[in-house]
PDB file of N, CA and C in Angstrom:
ATOM      1  N   MET A   1       0.858  -1.181   0.000  1.00  0.00           N
ATOM      2  CA  MET A   1       0.000   0.000   0.000  1.00  0.00           C
ATOM      3  C   MET A   1       0.896   1.232   0.000  1.00  0.00           C
ATOM      4  N   SER A   2       0.580   2.172  -0.833  1.00  0.00           N
ATOM      5  CA  SER A   2       1.389   3.389  -0.902  1.00  0.00           C
ATOM      6  C   SER A   2       0.845   4.445   0.048  1.00  0.00           C
ATOM      7  N   THR A   3       1.724   5.347   0.444  1.00  0.00           N
ATOM      8  CA  THR A   3       1.342   6.444   1.325  1.00  0.00           C
ATOM      9  C   THR A   3       0.685   7.538   0.499  1.00  0.00           C
ATOM     10  N   PRO A   4      -0.455   8.061   0.935  1.00  0.00           N
ATOM     11  CA  PRO A   4      -1.115   9.121   0.179  1.00  0.00           C
ATOM     12  C   PRO A   4      -0.255  10.384   0.152  1.00  0.00           C
ATOM     13  N   PRO A   5      -0.336  11.127  -0.917  1.00  0.00           N
ATOM     14  CA  PRO A   5       0.445  12.365  -0.995  1.00  0.00           C
ATOM     15  C   PRO A   5       0.049  13.350   0.107  1.00  0.00           C
ATOM     16  N   THR A   6       0.996  14.150   0.514  1.00  0.00           N
ATOM     17  CA  THR A   6       0.758  15.145   1.556  1.00  0.00           C
ATOM     18  C   THR A   6      -0.343  16.111   1.152  1.00  0.00           C
ATOM     19  N   ASP A   7      -0.428  16.432  -0.128  1.00  0.00           N
ATOM     20  CA  ASP A   7      -1.475  17.356  -0.560  1.00  0.00           C
ATOM     21  C   ASP A   7      -2.863  16.757  -0.358  1.00  0.00           C
ATOM     22  N   ALA A   8      -3.001  15.441  -0.456  1.00  0.00           N
ATOM     23  CA  ALA A   8      -4.292  14.798  -0.185  1.00  0.00           C
ATOM     24  C   ALA A   8      -4.638  14.935   1.294  1.00  0.00           C
ATOM     25  N   LEU A   9      -3.650  14.805   2.134  1.00  0.00           N
ATOM     26  CA  LEU A   9      -3.858  14.968   3.577  1.00  0.00           C
ATOM     27  C   LEU A   9      -4.336  16.384   3.885  1.00  0.00           C
ATOM     28  N   ALA A  10      -3.636  17.372   3.349  1.00  0.00           N
ATOM     29  CA  ALA A  10      -4.000  18.773   3.591  1.00  0.00           C
ATOM     30  C   ALA A  10      -5.370  19.096   2.988  1.00  0.00           C
ATOM     31  N   ARG A  11      -5.652  18.562   1.814  1.00  0.00           N
ATOM     32  CA  ARG A  11      -6.935  18.830   1.153  1.00  0.00           C
ATOM     33  C   ARG A  11      -8.089  18.239   1.960  1.00  0.00           C
ATOM     34  N   ALA A  12      -7.943  16.985   2.372  1.00  0.00           N
ATOM     35  CA  ALA A  12      -9.000  16.341   3.156  1.00  0.00           C
ATOM     36  C   ALA A  12      -9.206  17.064   4.481  1.00  0.00           C
ATOM     37  N   GLN A  13      -8.117  17.424   5.128  1.00  0.00           N
ATOM     38  CA  GLN A  13      -8.222  18.124   6.402  1.00  0.00           C
ATOM     39  C   GLN A  13      -8.952  19.451   6.226  1.00  0.00           C
ATOM     40  N   GLY A  14      -8.585  20.202   5.219  1.00  0.00           N
ATOM     41  CA  GLY A  14      -9.227  21.490   4.970  1.00  0.00           C
ATOM     42  C   GLY A  14     -10.712  21.361   4.675  1.00  0.00           C
ATOM     43  N   LEU A  15     -11.070  20.373   3.877  1.00  0.00           N
ATOM     44  CA  LEU A  15     -12.479  20.167   3.531  1.00  0.00           C
ATOM     45  C   LEU A  15     -13.294  19.767   4.756  1.00  0.00           C
ATOM     46  N   VAL A  16     -12.755  18.841   5.547  1.00  0.00           N
ATOM     47  CA  VAL A  16     -13.486  18.405   6.743  1.00  0.00           C
ATOM     48  C   VAL A  16     -13.622  19.560   7.732  1.00  0.00           C
ATOM     49  N   LEU A  17     -12.553  20.301   7.938  1.00  0.00           N
ATOM     50  CA  LEU A  17     -12.621  21.427   8.873  1.00  0.00           C
ATOM     51  C   LEU A  17     -13.630  22.480   8.409  1.00  0.00           C
ATOM     52  N   ALA A  18     -13.704  22.710   7.106  1.00  0.00           N
ATOM     53  CA  ALA A  18     -14.682  23.661   6.570  1.00  0.00           C
ATOM     54  C   ALA A  18     -16.104  23.161   6.822  1.00  0.00           C
ATOM     55  N   LEU A  19     -16.338  21.877   6.598  1.00  0.00           N
ATOM     56  CA  LEU A  19     -17.665  21.321   6.854  1.00  0.00           C
ATOM     57  C   LEU A  19     -18.009  21.388   8.340  1.00  0.00           C
ATOM     58  N   LEU A  20     -17.054  21.068   9.196  1.00  0.00           N
ATOM     59  CA  LEU A  20     -17.297  21.141  10.633  1.00  0.00           C
ATOM     60  C   LEU A  20     -17.603  22.574  11.062  1.00  0.00           C
ATOM     61  N   SER A  21     -16.898  23.526  10.490  1.00  0.00           N
ATOM     62  CA  SER A  21     -17.139  24.940  10.803  1.00  0.00           C
ATOM     63  C   SER A  21     -18.525  25.390  10.352  1.00  0.00           C
ATOM     64  N   ALA A  22     -19.026  24.744   9.315  1.00  0.00           N
ATOM     65  CA  ALA A  22     -20.351  25.086   8.797  1.00  0.00           C
ATOM     66  C   ALA A  22     -21.467  24.388   9.574  1.00  0.00           C
ATOM     67  N   GLY A  23     -21.105  23.617  10.593  1.00  0.00           N
ATOM     68  CA  GLY A  23     -22.120  22.991  11.425  1.00  0.00           C
ATOM     69  C   GLY A  23     -22.294  21.491  11.253  1.00  0.00           C
ATOM     70  N   TRP A  24     -21.543  20.888  10.371  1.00  0.00           N
ATOM     71  CA  TRP A  24     -21.611  19.451  10.177  1.00  0.00           C
ATOM     72  C   TRP A  24     -20.979  18.739  11.375  1.00  0.00           C
ATOM     73  N   THR A  25     -21.375  17.491  11.587  1.00  0.00           N
ATOM     74  CA  THR A  25     -20.717  16.635  12.576  1.00  0.00           C
ATOM     75  C   THR A  25     -19.908  15.577  11.821  1.00  0.00           C
ATOM     76  N   HIS A  26     -18.982  14.956  12.541  1.00  0.00           N
ATOM     77  CA  HIS A  26     -18.197  13.881  11.931  1.00  0.00           C
ATOM     78  C   HIS A  26     -19.126  12.773  11.423  1.00  0.00           C
ATOM     79  N   GLN A  27     -20.131  12.457  12.234  1.00  0.00           N
ATOM     80  CA  GLN A  27     -21.078  11.400  11.872  1.00  0.00           C
ATOM     81  C   GLN A  27     -21.873  11.774  10.624  1.00  0.00           C
ATOM     82  N   LYS A  28     -22.349  13.011  10.556  1.00  0.00           N
ATOM     83  CA  LYS A  28     -23.149  13.454   9.409  1.00  0.00           C
ATOM     84  C   LYS A  28     -22.312  13.436   8.131  1.00  0.00           C
ATOM     85  N   ILE A  29     -21.053  13.837   8.214  1.00  0.00           N
ATOM     86  CA  ILE A  29     -20.174  13.800   7.037  1.00  0.00           C
ATOM     87  C   ILE A  29     -20.027  12.364   6.557  1.00  0.00           C
ATOM     88  N   ALA A  30     -19.766  11.450   7.492  1.00  0.00           N
ATOM     89  CA  ALA A  30     -19.621  10.033   7.132  1.00  0.00           C
ATOM     90  C   ALA A  30     -20.892   9.510   6.467  1.00  0.00           C
ATOM     91  N   GLU A  31     -22.036   9.852   7.031  1.00  0.00           N
ATOM     92  CA  GLU A  31     -23.312   9.413   6.457  1.00  0.00           C
ATOM     93  C   GLU A  31     -23.510   9.965   5.054  1.00  0.00           C
ATOM     94  N   GLU A  32     -23.204  11.242   4.874  1.00  0.00           N
ATOM     95  CA  GLU A  32     -23.375  11.873   3.562  1.00  0.00           C
ATOM     96  C   GLU A  32     -22.401  11.320   2.524  1.00  0.00           C
ATOM     97  N   LEU A  33     -21.317  10.745   2.986  1.00  0.00           N
ATOM     98  CA  LEU A  33     -20.379  10.092   2.067  1.00  0.00           C
ATOM     99  C   LEU A  33     -20.828   8.663   1.772  1.00  0.00           C
ATOM    100  N   GLY A  34     -22.037   8.335   2.191  1.00  0.00           N
ATOM    101  CA  GLY A  34     -22.577   7.010   1.929  1.00  0.00           C
ATOM    102  C   GLY A  34     -21.970   5.951   2.824  1.00  0.00           C
ATOM    103  N   ASP A  35     -21.510   6.375   3.988  1.00  0.00           N
ATOM    104  CA  ASP A  35     -20.856   5.474   4.932  1.00  0.00           C
ATOM    105  C   ASP A  35     -19.665   4.755   4.298  1.00  0.00           C
ATOM    106  N   ARG A  36     -18.999   5.453   3.365  1.00  0.00           N
ATOM    107  CA  ARG A  36     -17.768   4.928   2.758  1.00  0.00           C
ATOM    108  C   ARG A  36     -16.687   4.790   3.809  1.00  0.00           C
ATOM    109  N   VAL A  37     -16.738   5.703   4.782  1.00  0.00           N
ATOM    110  CA  VAL A  37     -15.780   5.716   5.886  1.00  0.00           C
ATOM    111  C   VAL A  37     -16.552   5.973   7.177  1.00  0.00           C
ATOM    112  N   SER A  38     -15.909   5.719   8.305  1.00  0.00           N
ATOM    113  CA  SER A  38     -16.571   5.919   9.597  1.00  0.00           C
ATOM    114  C   SER A  38     -16.411   7.355  10.082  1.00  0.00           C
ATOM    115  N   ALA A  39     -17.193   7.702  11.086  1.00  0.00           N
ATOM    116  CA  ALA A  39     -17.053   9.015  11.712  1.00  0.00           C
ATOM    117  C   ALA A  39     -15.656   9.153  12.317  1.00  0.00           C
ATOM    118  N   ARG A  40     -15.106   8.065  12.826  1.00  0.00           N
ATOM    119  CA  ARG A  40     -13.750   8.079  13.394  1.00  0.00           C
ATOM    120  C   ARG A  40     -12.720   8.423  12.318  1.00  0.00           C
ATOM    121  N   THR A  41     -12.914   7.928  11.111  1.00  0.00           N
ATOM    122  CA  THR A  41     -12.012   8.268  10.007  1.00  0.00           C
ATOM    123  C   THR A  41     -12.115   9.749   9.667  1.00  0.00           C
ATOM    124  N   ILE A  42     -13.327  10.287   9.669  1.00  0.00           N
ATOM    125  CA  ILE A  42     -13.516  11.715   9.416  1.00  0.00           C
ATOM    126  C   ILE A  42     -12.768  12.514  10.484  1.00  0.00           C
ATOM    127  N   TYR A  43     -12.861  12.064  11.735  1.00  0.00           N
ATOM    128  CA  TYR A  43     -12.137  12.711  12.835  1.00  0.00           C
ATOM    129  C   TYR A  43     -10.633  12.688  12.567  1.00  0.00           C
ATOM    130  N   ARG A  44     -10.115  11.578  12.114  1.00  0.00           N
ATOM    131  CA  ARG A  44      -8.678  11.461  11.813  1.00  0.00           C
ATOM    132  C   ARG A  44      -8.272  12.379  10.669  1.00  0.00           C
ATOM    133  N   TRP A  45      -9.141  12.504   9.669  1.00  0.00           N
ATOM    134  CA  TRP A  45      -8.846  13.418   8.568  1.00  0.00           C
ATOM    135  C   TRP A  45      -8.807  14.851   9.083  1.00  0.00           C
ATOM    136  N   ALA A  46      -9.751  15.208   9.943  1.00  0.00           N
ATOM    137  CA  ALA A  46      -9.808  16.570  10.490  1.00  0.00           C
ATOM    138  C   ALA A  46      -8.562  16.883  11.314  1.00  0.00           C
ATOM    139  N   LYS A  47      -8.055  15.915  12.036  1.00  0.00           N
ATOM    140  CA  LYS A  47      -6.863  16.103  12.874  1.00  0.00           C
ATOM    141  C   LYS A  47      -5.573  16.037  12.062  1.00  0.00           C
ATOM    142  N   GLY A  48      -5.671  15.639  10.795  1.00  0.00           N
ATOM    143  CA  GLY A  48      -4.481  15.506   9.969  1.00  0.00           C
ATOM    144  C   GLY A  48      -3.682  14.260  10.296  1.00  0.00           C
ATOM    145  N   GLU A  49      -4.323  13.302  10.946  1.00  0.00           N
ATOM    146  CA  GLU A  49      -3.649  12.059  11.314  1.00  0.00           C
ATOM    147  C   GLU A  49      -3.509  11.114  10.128  1.00  0.00           C
ATOM    148  N   HIS A  50      -4.499  11.139   9.253  1.00  0.00           N
ATOM    149  CA  HIS A  50      -4.511  10.253   8.085  1.00  0.00           C
ATOM    150  C   HIS A  50      -5.148  10.975   6.915  1.00  0.00           C
ATOM    151  N   ALA A  51      -4.727  10.599   5.724  1.00  0.00           N
ATOM    152  CA  ALA A  51      -5.359  11.085   4.497  1.00  0.00           C
ATOM    153  C   ALA A  51      -6.264   9.978   3.965  1.00  0.00           C
ATOM    154  N   PRO A  52      -7.198  10.319   3.105  1.00  0.00           N
ATOM    155  CA  PRO A  52      -8.020   9.274   2.495  1.00  0.00           C
ATOM    156  C   PRO A  52      -7.137   8.237   1.796  1.00  0.00           C
ATOM    157  N   GLN A  53      -7.431   6.971   2.024  1.00  0.00           N
ATOM    158  CA  GLN A  53      -6.653   5.883   1.411  1.00  0.00           C
ATOM    159  C   GLN A  53      -7.038   5.679  -0.046  1.00  0.00           C
ATOM    160  N   GLN A  54      -8.275   6.014  -0.368  1.00  0.00           N
ATOM    161  CA  GLN A  54      -8.764   5.875  -1.733  1.00  0.00           C
ATOM    162  C   GLN A  54      -8.970   7.262  -2.336  1.00  0.00           C
ATOM    163  N   ALA A  55      -8.495   7.444  -3.547  1.00  0.00           N
ATOM    164  CA  ALA A  55      -8.699   8.727  -4.220  1.00  0.00           C
ATOM    165  C   ALA A  55     -10.191   9.033  -4.354  1.00  0.00           C
ATOM    166  N   SER A  56     -10.999   8.003  -4.501  1.00  0.00           N
ATOM    167  CA  SER A  56     -12.439   8.213  -4.647  1.00  0.00           C
ATOM    168  C   SER A  56     -13.058   8.778  -3.367  1.00  0.00           C
ATOM    169  N   ASP A  57     -12.458   8.495  -2.205  1.00  0.00           N
ATOM    170  CA  ASP A  57     -12.973   9.070  -0.956  1.00  0.00           C
ATOM    171  C   ASP A  57     -12.733  10.570  -0.923  1.00  0.00           C
ATOM    172  N   LEU A  58     -11.578  11.002  -1.396  1.00  0.00           N
ATOM    173  CA  LEU A  58     -11.284  12.431  -1.448  1.00  0.00           C
ATOM    174  C   LEU A  58     -12.205  13.127  -2.449  1.00  0.00           C
ATOM    175  N   VAL A  59     -12.452  12.490  -3.568  1.00  0.00           N
ATOM    176  CA  VAL A  59     -13.359  13.055  -4.574  1.00  0.00           C
ATOM    177  C   VAL A  59     -14.763  13.182  -3.985  1.00  0.00           C
ATOM    178  N   ALA A  60     -15.220  12.170  -3.272  1.00  0.00           N
ATOM    179  CA  ALA A  60     -16.544  12.224  -2.656  1.00  0.00           C
ATOM    180  C   ALA A  60     -16.621  13.340  -1.621  1.00  0.00           C
ATOM    181  N   LEU A  61     -15.568  13.523  -0.859  1.00  0.00           N
ATOM    182  CA  LEU A  61     -15.518  14.595   0.135  1.00  0.00           C
ATOM    183  C   LEU A  61     -15.549  15.962  -0.550  1.00  0.00           C
ATOM    184  N   GLU A  62     -14.813  16.112  -1.634  1.00  0.00           N
ATOM    185  CA  GLU A  62     -14.826  17.374  -2.385  1.00  0.00           C
ATOM    186  C   GLU A  62     -16.219  17.672  -2.931  1.00  0.00           C
ATOM    187  N   ARG A  63     -16.872  16.665  -3.454  1.00  0.00           N
ATOM    188  CA  ARG A  63     -18.232  16.854  -3.994  1.00  0.00           C
ATOM    189  C   ARG A  63     -19.207  17.254  -2.896  1.00  0.00           C
ATOM    190  N   LEU A  64     -19.065  16.635  -1.730  1.00  0.00           N
ATOM    191  CA  LEU A  64     -19.939  16.977  -0.608  1.00  0.00           C
ATOM    192  C   LEU A  64     -19.732  18.435  -0.211  1.00  0.00           C
ATOM    193  N   ALA A  65     -18.490  18.860  -0.115  1.00  0.00           N
ATOM    194  CA  ALA A  65     -18.193  20.229   0.275  1.00  0.00           C
ATOM    195  C   ALA A  65     -18.711  21.228  -0.761  1.00  0.00           C
ATOM    196  N   GLU A  66     -18.656  20.866  -2.030  1.00  0.00           N
ATOM    197  CA  GLU A  66     -19.124  21.762  -3.086  1.00  0.00           C
ATOM    198  C   GLU A  66     -20.640  21.910  -3.088  1.00  0.00           C
ATOM    199  N   ARG A  67     -21.351  20.829  -2.862  1.00  0.00           N
ATOM    200  CA  ARG A  67     -22.816  20.871  -2.981  1.00  0.00           C
ATOM    201  C   ARG A  67     -23.531  21.172  -1.683  1.00  0.00           C
ATOM    202  N   SER A  68     -22.853  21.011  -0.564  1.00  0.00           N
ATOM    203  CA  SER A  68     -23.542  21.140   0.711  1.00  0.00           C
ATOM    204  C   SER A  68     -22.725  21.925   1.721  1.00  0.00           C
ATOM    205  N   PRO A  69     -22.710  23.235   1.631  1.00  0.00           N
ATOM    206  CA  PRO A  69     -21.914  24.021   2.576  1.00  0.00           C
ATOM    207  C   PRO A  69     -22.440  23.973   4.003  1.00  0.00           C
ATOM    208  N   ALA A  70     -23.668  23.556   4.209  1.00  0.00           N
ATOM    209  CA  ALA A  70     -24.220  23.485   5.565  1.00  0.00           C
ATOM    210  C   ALA A  70     -25.215  22.328   5.630  1.00  0.00           C
ATOM    211  N   PRO A  71     -25.346  21.692   6.791  1.00  0.00           N
ATOM    212  CA  PRO A  71     -26.271  20.550   6.916  1.00  0.00           C
ATOM    213  C   PRO A  71     -27.719  20.977   6.809  1.00  0.00           C
TER     214      PRO A  71
END
């Protein structure tokens, strides 16, 4: 398994933090991503502990942030 690029880590962290600032919860983000990942994973992305392992998870997160600025 390869390590995700640092830019993916920063991008995911920024997107999650923006959603959280807009009133989303970790659980709601996970649900809106179709439960592709857990709320705990969303928490890890927000803390910058891990980046999305699948490029499609980052794409899904970007789409969520674009279409839904607030819950």
